[in-house]
Amino acid sequence: MTGSSGGHEADEPVLSRRVVVRLLVVLSAASGCLDVFCLTRLGGFFASVITGNLVKFGDAIVTADTRPVAGGLAAVGGYAVGVAAATAHLRHAGTGWRRRTGMVAGAEAALLVGVAAFWFSTAERPGYAGGLALLGAASAASGMQTAVTISSGLRGASTTYLTGSLTDVVRTIVLDPHRFAAGAGGVSRLLGLLGGAVLGALTLRVAPSWTPALAAALVVAVVLVTVGLTRARITDRKAPR
């Protein structure tokens, strides 16, 4: 069963590296926007920056502050669940952006649409339990995005935690500046994350009800583009020569 599935997926069209690089920049922007929303509206936790979440979680444990402890559990636990679910689905997908990759991205988009809808329906006042649910769902979406990025075919790429990307960029500049162009994707993702954070922060000030919708829209755009490109490649393969 596994072998036939793997053989079928091996024949599927895979998006080009150039396209994937651009898609990951958009996903980075979505991550920046989502993290600004979670950090400022959902108890001070990130959707994807687990290092920061664990530090705050540890401090909450020492101070016995139950609300941050619950927030830490929701953020870290939600992220772990998202990674696990996406990884299980992508286990036999192979390297590169394939049909299964797009399906996981679609599930992430659906989850973020749900976050945006719930936030909007509560008029920005989800309450304590609702806020934890939103944080857990947003973190799960970030975990799914991380798994998608890892399986996309770009070695070492990230769209949710970019400490490594910045480290690689700086090391390349210092050790071998002639190879800087080869690491331009990392710079693009860093700028994408920053741009998404700026857009998210601006939206929080002028239309706070729509901030999570912006993050969802960016992921939806990625899904629609990948579906269109994949269908075009399939049609091209079937066209008579």
C-alpha atoms as a PDB file:
ATOM      1  CA  MET A   1       0.000   0.000   0.000  1.00  0.00           C
ATOM      2  CA  THR A   2       2.734   2.409   0.959  1.00  0.00           C
ATOM      3  CA  GLY A   3       4.798   1.530  -2.074  1.00  0.00           C
ATOM      4  CA  SER A   4       1.992   2.250  -4.553  1.00  0.00           C
ATOM      5  CA  SER A   5       1.206   5.515  -2.836  1.00  0.00           C
ATOM      6  CA  GLY A   6       4.836   6.543  -2.957  1.00  0.00           C
ATOM      7  CA  GLY A   7       5.069   5.586  -6.640  1.00  0.00           C
ATOM      8  CA  HIS A   8       1.956   7.595  -7.477  1.00  0.00           C
ATOM      9  CA  GLU A   9       3.224  10.664  -5.624  1.00  0.00           C
ATOM     10  CA  ALA A  10       6.622  10.378  -7.258  1.00  0.00           C
ATOM     11  CA  ASP A  11       4.887  11.043 -10.599  1.00  0.00           C
ATOM     12  CA  GLU A  12       3.116  14.157  -9.312  1.00  0.00           C
ATOM     13  CA  PRO A  13       4.270  17.588 -10.467  1.00  0.00           C
ATOM     14  CA  VAL A  14       6.607  19.337  -8.032  1.00  0.00           C
ATOM     15  CA  LEU A  15       6.754  23.120  -7.899  1.00  0.00           C
ATOM     16  CA  SER A  16      10.042  24.671  -8.963  1.00  0.00           C
ATOM     17  CA  ARG A  17      12.547  25.918  -6.441  1.00  0.00           C
ATOM     18  CA  ARG A  18      12.069  29.511  -7.585  1.00  0.00           C
ATOM     19  CA  VAL A  19       8.319  29.332  -6.974  1.00  0.00           C
ATOM     20  CA  VAL A  20       8.764  27.682  -3.576  1.00  0.00           C
ATOM     21  CA  VAL A  21      11.233  30.390  -2.491  1.00  0.00           C
ATOM     22  CA  ARG A  22       8.590  33.024  -3.190  1.00  0.00           C
ATOM     23  CA  LEU A  23       5.813  31.073  -1.515  1.00  0.00           C
ATOM     24  CA  LEU A  24       7.895  30.745   1.642  1.00  0.00           C
ATOM     25  CA  VAL A  25       8.366  34.517   1.762  1.00  0.00           C
ATOM     26  CA  VAL A  26       4.569  34.922   1.806  1.00  0.00           C
ATOM     27  CA  LEU A  27       4.266  32.282   4.529  1.00  0.00           C
ATOM     28  CA  SER A  28       6.913  34.156   6.537  1.00  0.00           C
ATOM     29  CA  ALA A  29       4.814  37.306   6.248  1.00  0.00           C
ATOM     30  CA  ALA A  30       1.770  35.374   7.488  1.00  0.00           C
ATOM     31  CA  SER A  31       3.815  34.146  10.451  1.00  0.00           C
ATOM     32  CA  GLY A  32       4.928  37.671  11.338  1.00  0.00           C
ATOM     33  CA  CYS A  33       1.358  38.932  11.220  1.00  0.00           C
ATOM     34  CA  LEU A  34       0.036  36.022  13.281  1.00  0.00           C
ATOM     35  CA  ASP A  35       2.741  36.354  15.934  1.00  0.00           C
ATOM     36  CA  VAL A  36       2.038  40.075  16.382  1.00  0.00           C
ATOM     37  CA  PHE A  37      -1.632  39.256  16.881  1.00  0.00           C
ATOM     38  CA  CYS A  38      -0.986  36.486  19.415  1.00  0.00           C
ATOM     39  CA  LEU A  39       1.688  38.424  21.298  1.00  0.00           C
ATOM     40  CA  THR A  40      -0.407  41.555  21.748  1.00  0.00           C
ATOM     41  CA  ARG A  41      -3.928  40.121  22.056  1.00  0.00           C
ATOM     42  CA  LEU A  42      -3.625  36.577  23.422  1.00  0.00           C
ATOM     43  CA  GLY A  43      -1.677  36.824  26.649  1.00  0.00           C
ATOM     44  CA  GLY A  44       1.809  37.701  25.458  1.00  0.00           C
ATOM     45  CA  PHE A  45       2.646  34.362  23.803  1.00  0.00           C
ATOM     46  CA  PHE A  46       3.815  33.804  20.245  1.00  0.00           C
ATOM     47  CA  ALA A  47       2.199  31.399  17.819  1.00  0.00           C
ATOM     48  CA  SER A  48       5.563  30.099  16.610  1.00  0.00           C
ATOM     49  CA  VAL A  49       8.499  31.387  18.687  1.00  0.00           C
ATOM     50  CA  ILE A  50       8.778  28.447  21.049  1.00  0.00           C
ATOM     51  CA  THR A  51      11.987  29.691  22.681  1.00  0.00           C
ATOM     52  CA  GLY A  52      10.270  32.836  23.931  1.00  0.00           C
ATOM     53  CA  ASN A  53       7.178  30.880  24.932  1.00  0.00           C
ATOM     54  CA  LEU A  54       9.205  28.408  26.994  1.00  0.00           C
ATOM     55  CA  VAL A  55      11.026  31.224  28.793  1.00  0.00           C
ATOM     56  CA  LYS A  56       7.741  32.886  29.737  1.00  0.00           C
ATOM     57  CA  PHE A  57       6.250  29.501  30.613  1.00  0.00           C
ATOM     58  CA  GLY A  58       9.162  28.769  32.950  1.00  0.00           C
ATOM     59  CA  ASP A  59       8.785  32.118  34.673  1.00  0.00           C
ATOM     60  CA  ALA A  60       5.056  31.488  35.129  1.00  0.00           C
ATOM     61  CA  ILE A  61       5.767  28.104  36.737  1.00  0.00           C
ATOM     62  CA  VAL A  62       8.096  29.697  39.296  1.00  0.00           C
ATOM     63  CA  THR A  63       5.676  32.511  40.102  1.00  0.00           C
ATOM     64  CA  ALA A  64       2.724  30.073  40.197  1.00  0.00           C
ATOM     65  CA  ASP A  65       0.724  32.371  37.924  1.00  0.00           C
ATOM     66  CA  THR A  66      -1.896  30.034  36.493  1.00  0.00           C
ATOM     67  CA  ARG A  67      -2.955  32.152  33.514  1.00  0.00           C
ATOM     68  CA  PRO A  68       0.500  32.327  31.874  1.00  0.00           C
ATOM     69  CA  VAL A  69       1.013  28.638  32.656  1.00  0.00           C
ATOM     70  CA  ALA A  70      -2.183  27.820  30.762  1.00  0.00           C
ATOM     71  CA  GLY A  71      -1.133  30.141  27.950  1.00  0.00           C
ATOM     72  CA  GLY A  72       2.243  28.450  27.714  1.00  0.00           C
ATOM     73  CA  LEU A  73       0.616  25.035  27.566  1.00  0.00           C
ATOM     74  CA  ALA A  74      -1.750  26.195  24.823  1.00  0.00           C
ATOM     75  CA  ALA A  75       1.004  27.797  22.742  1.00  0.00           C
ATOM     76  CA  VAL A  76       3.659  25.084  23.041  1.00  0.00           C
ATOM     77  CA  GLY A  77       1.175  22.223  23.035  1.00  0.00           C
ATOM     78  CA  GLY A  78      -0.741  23.594  20.066  1.00  0.00           C
ATOM     79  CA  TYR A  79       2.449  24.017  18.070  1.00  0.00           C
ATOM     80  CA  ALA A  80       3.534  20.448  18.852  1.00  0.00           C
ATOM     81  CA  VAL A  81       0.140  19.083  17.798  1.00  0.00           C
ATOM     82  CA  GLY A  82       0.329  21.010  14.523  1.00  0.00           C
ATOM     83  CA  VAL A  83       3.806  19.692  13.736  1.00  0.00           C
ATOM     84  CA  ALA A  84       2.791  16.119  14.610  1.00  0.00           C
ATOM     85  CA  ALA A  85      -0.388  16.156  12.509  1.00  0.00           C
ATOM     86  CA  ALA A  86       1.316  17.689   9.475  1.00  0.00           C
ATOM     87  CA  THR A  87       4.339  15.408   9.726  1.00  0.00           C
ATOM     88  CA  ALA A  88       2.125  12.319   9.870  1.00  0.00           C
ATOM     89  CA  HIS A  89       0.354  13.419   6.700  1.00  0.00           C
ATOM     90  CA  LEU A  90       3.589  14.311   4.897  1.00  0.00           C
ATOM     91  CA  ARG A  91       5.486  11.190   5.988  1.00  0.00           C
ATOM     92  CA  HIS A  92       5.365   9.559   2.552  1.00  0.00           C
ATOM     93  CA  ALA A  93       5.037  12.707   0.450  1.00  0.00           C
ATOM     94  CA  GLY A  94       8.660  12.957  -0.625  1.00  0.00           C
ATOM     95  CA  THR A  95      10.755  16.094  -0.898  1.00  0.00           C
ATOM     96  CA  GLY A  96       9.392  19.154  -2.660  1.00  0.00           C
ATOM     97  CA  TRP A  97       6.078  20.970  -2.779  1.00  0.00           C
ATOM     98  CA  ARG A  98       3.633  18.236  -3.809  1.00  0.00           C
ATOM     99  CA  ARG A  99      -0.104  17.570  -3.546  1.00  0.00           C
ATOM    100  CA  ARG A 100       0.135  16.487   0.093  1.00  0.00           C
ATOM    101  CA  THR A 101       2.143  19.616   0.904  1.00  0.00           C
ATOM    102  CA  GLY A 102      -0.620  21.757  -0.546  1.00  0.00           C
ATOM    103  CA  MET A 103      -3.230  19.807   1.418  1.00  0.00           C
ATOM    104  CA  VAL A 104      -1.470  20.560   4.708  1.00  0.00           C
ATOM    105  CA  ALA A 105      -1.141  24.216   3.735  1.00  0.00           C
ATOM    106  CA  GLY A 106      -4.866  24.161   2.989  1.00  0.00           C
ATOM    107  CA  ALA A 107      -5.574  22.724   6.439  1.00  0.00           C
ATOM    108  CA  GLU A 108      -3.459  25.483   7.972  1.00  0.00           C
ATOM    109  CA  ALA A 109      -5.412  28.073   5.995  1.00  0.00           C
ATOM    110  CA  ALA A 110      -8.726  26.601   7.173  1.00  0.00           C
ATOM    111  CA  LEU A 111      -7.545  26.699  10.783  1.00  0.00           C
ATOM    112  CA  LEU A 112      -6.519  30.349  10.450  1.00  0.00           C
ATOM    113  CA  VAL A 113      -9.829  31.232   8.824  1.00  0.00           C
ATOM    114  CA  GLY A 114     -11.504  29.683  11.864  1.00  0.00           C
ATOM    115  CA  VAL A 115      -9.303  31.766  14.193  1.00  0.00           C
ATOM    116  CA  ALA A 116     -10.173  34.926  12.268  1.00  0.00           C
ATOM    117  CA  ALA A 117     -13.896  34.131  12.242  1.00  0.00           C
ATOM    118  CA  PHE A 118     -13.994  33.425  15.978  1.00  0.00           C
ATOM    119  CA  TRP A 119     -12.000  36.570  16.800  1.00  0.00           C
ATOM    120  CA  PHE A 120     -14.327  38.672  14.637  1.00  0.00           C
ATOM    121  CA  SER A 121     -17.481  37.085  16.076  1.00  0.00           C
ATOM    122  CA  THR A 122     -16.460  37.937  19.644  1.00  0.00           C
ATOM    123  CA  ALA A 123     -15.798  41.594  18.786  1.00  0.00           C
ATOM    124  CA  GLU A 124     -12.165  41.168  19.940  1.00  0.00           C
ATOM    125  CA  ARG A 125     -13.281  39.905  23.371  1.00  0.00           C
ATOM    126  CA  PRO A 126     -13.003  36.107  23.283  1.00  0.00           C
ATOM    127  CA  GLY A 127     -12.723  35.750  27.053  1.00  0.00           C
ATOM    128  CA  TYR A 128     -10.175  33.678  28.932  1.00  0.00           C
ATOM    129  CA  ALA A 129     -11.141  30.238  27.605  1.00  0.00           C
ATOM    130  CA  GLY A 130     -11.746  31.585  24.117  1.00  0.00           C
ATOM    131  CA  GLY A 131      -8.360  33.293  24.109  1.00  0.00           C
ATOM    132  CA  LEU A 132      -6.645  30.026  25.045  1.00  0.00           C
ATOM    133  CA  ALA A 133      -8.504  28.250  22.238  1.00  0.00           C
ATOM    134  CA  LEU A 134      -7.443  30.915  19.747  1.00  0.00           C
ATOM    135  CA  LEU A 135      -3.829  30.731  20.914  1.00  0.00           C
ATOM    136  CA  GLY A 136      -3.791  26.945  20.674  1.00  0.00           C
ATOM    137  CA  ALA A 137      -5.312  26.988  17.184  1.00  0.00           C
ATOM    138  CA  ALA A 138      -2.949  29.700  15.935  1.00  0.00           C
ATOM    139  CA  SER A 139       0.027  27.802  17.347  1.00  0.00           C
ATOM    140  CA  ALA A 140      -1.159  24.568  15.728  1.00  0.00           C
ATOM    141  CA  ALA A 141      -1.369  26.404  12.394  1.00  0.00           C
ATOM    142  CA  SER A 142       2.208  27.615  12.877  1.00  0.00           C
ATOM    143  CA  GLY A 143       3.342  24.084  13.635  1.00  0.00           C
ATOM    144  CA  MET A 144       1.714  22.862  10.444  1.00  0.00           C
ATOM    145  CA  GLN A 145       3.406  25.638   8.489  1.00  0.00           C
ATOM    146  CA  THR A 146       6.772  24.631   9.918  1.00  0.00           C
ATOM    147  CA  ALA A 147       6.275  21.047   8.749  1.00  0.00           C
ATOM    148  CA  VAL A 148       5.235  22.284   5.302  1.00  0.00           C
ATOM    149  CA  THR A 149       8.349  24.445   5.066  1.00  0.00           C
ATOM    150  CA  ILE A 150      10.656  21.607   6.073  1.00  0.00           C
ATOM    151  CA  SER A 151       9.140  19.294   3.449  1.00  0.00           C
ATOM    152  CA  SER A 152       9.090  21.952   0.711  1.00  0.00           C
ATOM    153  CA  GLY A 153      12.505  20.987  -0.630  1.00  0.00           C
ATOM    154  CA  LEU A 154      14.536  24.008   0.488  1.00  0.00           C
ATOM    155  CA  ARG A 155      17.209  22.735   2.825  1.00  0.00           C
ATOM    156  CA  GLY A 156      17.435  24.654   6.092  1.00  0.00           C
ATOM    157  CA  ALA A 157      14.556  26.984   5.202  1.00  0.00           C
ATOM    158  CA  SER A 158      12.188  28.271   7.875  1.00  0.00           C
ATOM    159  CA  THR A 159       9.158  30.560   7.869  1.00  0.00           C
ATOM    160  CA  THR A 160       8.283  30.530  11.577  1.00  0.00           C
ATOM    161  CA  TYR A 161      11.550  30.610  13.553  1.00  0.00           C
ATOM    162  CA  LEU A 162      14.244  32.595  11.784  1.00  0.00           C
ATOM    163  CA  THR A 163      17.124  32.745  14.266  1.00  0.00           C
ATOM    164  CA  GLY A 164      18.919  30.151  12.168  1.00  0.00           C
ATOM    165  CA  SER A 165      18.246  32.098   8.973  1.00  0.00           C
ATOM    166  CA  LEU A 166      19.775  35.255  10.412  1.00  0.00           C
ATOM    167  CA  THR A 167      22.728  33.245  11.727  1.00  0.00           C
ATOM    168  CA  ASP A 168      23.357  31.724   8.283  1.00  0.00           C
ATOM    169  CA  VAL A 169      23.142  35.112   6.564  1.00  0.00           C
ATOM    170  CA  VAL A 170      25.632  36.741   8.942  1.00  0.00           C
ATOM    171  CA  ARG A 171      28.024  33.779   8.803  1.00  0.00           C
ATOM    172  CA  THR A 172      27.945  33.823   5.001  1.00  0.00           C
ATOM    173  CA  ILE A 173      28.738  37.539   4.909  1.00  0.00           C
ATOM    174  CA  VAL A 174      31.694  37.073   7.262  1.00  0.00           C
ATOM    175  CA  LEU A 175      33.091  33.795   5.899  1.00  0.00           C
ATOM    176  CA  ASP A 176      32.307  33.918   2.191  1.00  0.00           C
ATOM    177  CA  PRO A 177      30.627  37.130   1.018  1.00  0.00           C
ATOM    178  CA  HIS A 178      30.815  35.965  -2.616  1.00  0.00           C
ATOM    179  CA  ARG A 179      28.188  33.332  -1.785  1.00  0.00           C
ATOM    180  CA  PHE A 180      25.772  35.857  -0.297  1.00  0.00           C
ATOM    181  CA  ALA A 181      23.467  35.663  -3.314  1.00  0.00           C
ATOM    182  CA  ALA A 182      22.998  31.953  -2.664  1.00  0.00           C
ATOM    183  CA  GLY A 183      21.483  32.796   0.726  1.00  0.00           C
ATOM    184  CA  ALA A 184      19.176  35.516  -0.573  1.00  0.00           C
ATOM    185  CA  GLY A 185      16.171  33.318   0.236  1.00  0.00           C
ATOM    186  CA  GLY A 186      16.972  33.596   3.930  1.00  0.00           C
ATOM    187  CA  VAL A 187      17.140  37.375   3.684  1.00  0.00           C
ATOM    188  CA  SER A 188      13.834  37.416   1.794  1.00  0.00           C
ATOM    189  CA  ARG A 189      12.134  35.354   4.490  1.00  0.00           C
ATOM    190  CA  LEU A 190      13.515  37.608   7.220  1.00  0.00           C
ATOM    191  CA  LEU A 191      12.174  40.646   5.399  1.00  0.00           C
ATOM    192  CA  GLY A 192       8.891  38.841   4.776  1.00  0.00           C
ATOM    193  CA  LEU A 193       8.496  38.130   8.489  1.00  0.00           C
ATOM    194  CA  LEU A 194       9.295  41.754   9.323  1.00  0.00           C
ATOM    195  CA  GLY A 195       6.884  43.015   6.680  1.00  0.00           C
ATOM    196  CA  GLY A 196       4.123  40.761   7.953  1.00  0.00           C
ATOM    197  CA  ALA A 197       4.716  41.939  11.514  1.00  0.00           C
ATOM    198  CA  VAL A 198       4.514  45.567  10.376  1.00  0.00           C
ATOM    199  CA  LEU A 199       1.292  44.925   8.445  1.00  0.00           C
ATOM    200  CA  GLY A 200      -0.164  43.060  11.411  1.00  0.00           C
ATOM    201  CA  ALA A 201       0.727  45.840  13.824  1.00  0.00           C
ATOM    202  CA  LEU A 202      -0.765  48.477  11.531  1.00  0.00           C
ATOM    203  CA  THR A 203      -3.951  46.446  11.135  1.00  0.00           C
ATOM    204  CA  LEU A 204      -4.220  46.085  14.908  1.00  0.00           C
ATOM    205  CA  ARG A 205      -4.269  49.870  15.158  1.00  0.00           C
ATOM    206  CA  VAL A 206      -6.726  50.680  12.377  1.00  0.00           C
ATOM    207  CA  ALA A 207      -8.904  47.534  12.126  1.00  0.00           C
ATOM    208  CA  PRO A 208      -8.045  45.111  14.948  1.00  0.00           C
ATOM    209  CA  SER A 209     -10.948  42.783  14.170  1.00  0.00           C
ATOM    210  CA  TRP A 210      -9.330  41.913  10.841  1.00  0.00           C
ATOM    211  CA  THR A 211      -5.752  41.213  11.956  1.00  0.00           C
ATOM    212  CA  PRO A 212      -5.946  37.393  12.049  1.00  0.00           C
ATOM    213  CA  ALA A 213      -7.878  37.530   8.776  1.00  0.00           C
ATOM    214  CA  LEU A 214      -4.816  39.111   7.159  1.00  0.00           C
ATOM    215  CA  ALA A 215      -2.628  36.178   8.204  1.00  0.00           C
ATOM    216  CA  ALA A 216      -5.285  33.755   6.951  1.00  0.00           C
ATOM    217  CA  ALA A 217      -5.550  35.590   3.623  1.00  0.00           C
ATOM    218  CA  LEU A 218      -1.814  35.278   3.017  1.00  0.00           C
ATOM    219  CA  VAL A 219      -1.879  31.507   3.572  1.00  0.00           C
ATOM    220  CA  VAL A 220      -5.026  31.154   1.451  1.00  0.00           C
ATOM    221  CA  ALA A 221      -3.224  33.029  -1.336  1.00  0.00           C
ATOM    222  CA  VAL A 222      -0.333  30.549  -1.146  1.00  0.00           C
ATOM    223  CA  VAL A 223      -2.763  27.615  -1.371  1.00  0.00           C
ATOM    224  CA  LEU A 224      -4.605  29.080  -4.363  1.00  0.00           C
ATOM    225  CA  VAL A 225      -1.363  29.779  -6.215  1.00  0.00           C
ATOM    226  CA  THR A 226      -0.049  26.267  -5.622  1.00  0.00           C
ATOM    227  CA  VAL A 227      -3.332  24.682  -6.745  1.00  0.00           C
ATOM    228  CA  GLY A 228      -3.320  26.762  -9.920  1.00  0.00           C
ATOM    229  CA  LEU A 229       0.303  25.991 -10.743  1.00  0.00           C
ATOM    230  CA  THR A 230      -0.114  22.279 -10.032  1.00  0.00           C
ATOM    231  CA  ARG A 231      -3.170  22.028 -12.273  1.00  0.00           C
ATOM    232  CA  ALA A 232      -1.352  23.906 -15.022  1.00  0.00           C
ATOM    233  CA  ARG A 233       1.551  21.446 -14.850  1.00  0.00           C
ATOM    234  CA  ILE A 234      -0.789  18.453 -14.945  1.00  0.00           C
ATOM    235  CA  THR A 235      -2.594  19.908 -17.963  1.00  0.00           C
ATOM    236  CA  ASP A 236       0.730  20.557 -19.682  1.00  0.00           C
ATOM    237  CA  ARG A 237       1.810  16.953 -19.112  1.00  0.00           C
ATOM    238  CA  LYS A 238      -1.412  15.626 -20.646  1.00  0.00           C
ATOM    239  CA  ALA A 239      -1.250  17.910 -23.653  1.00  0.00           C
ATOM    240  CA  PRO A 240      -0.342  16.100 -26.927  1.00  0.00           C
ATOM    241  CA  ARG A 241       3.212  16.624 -28.136  1.00  0.00           C
END
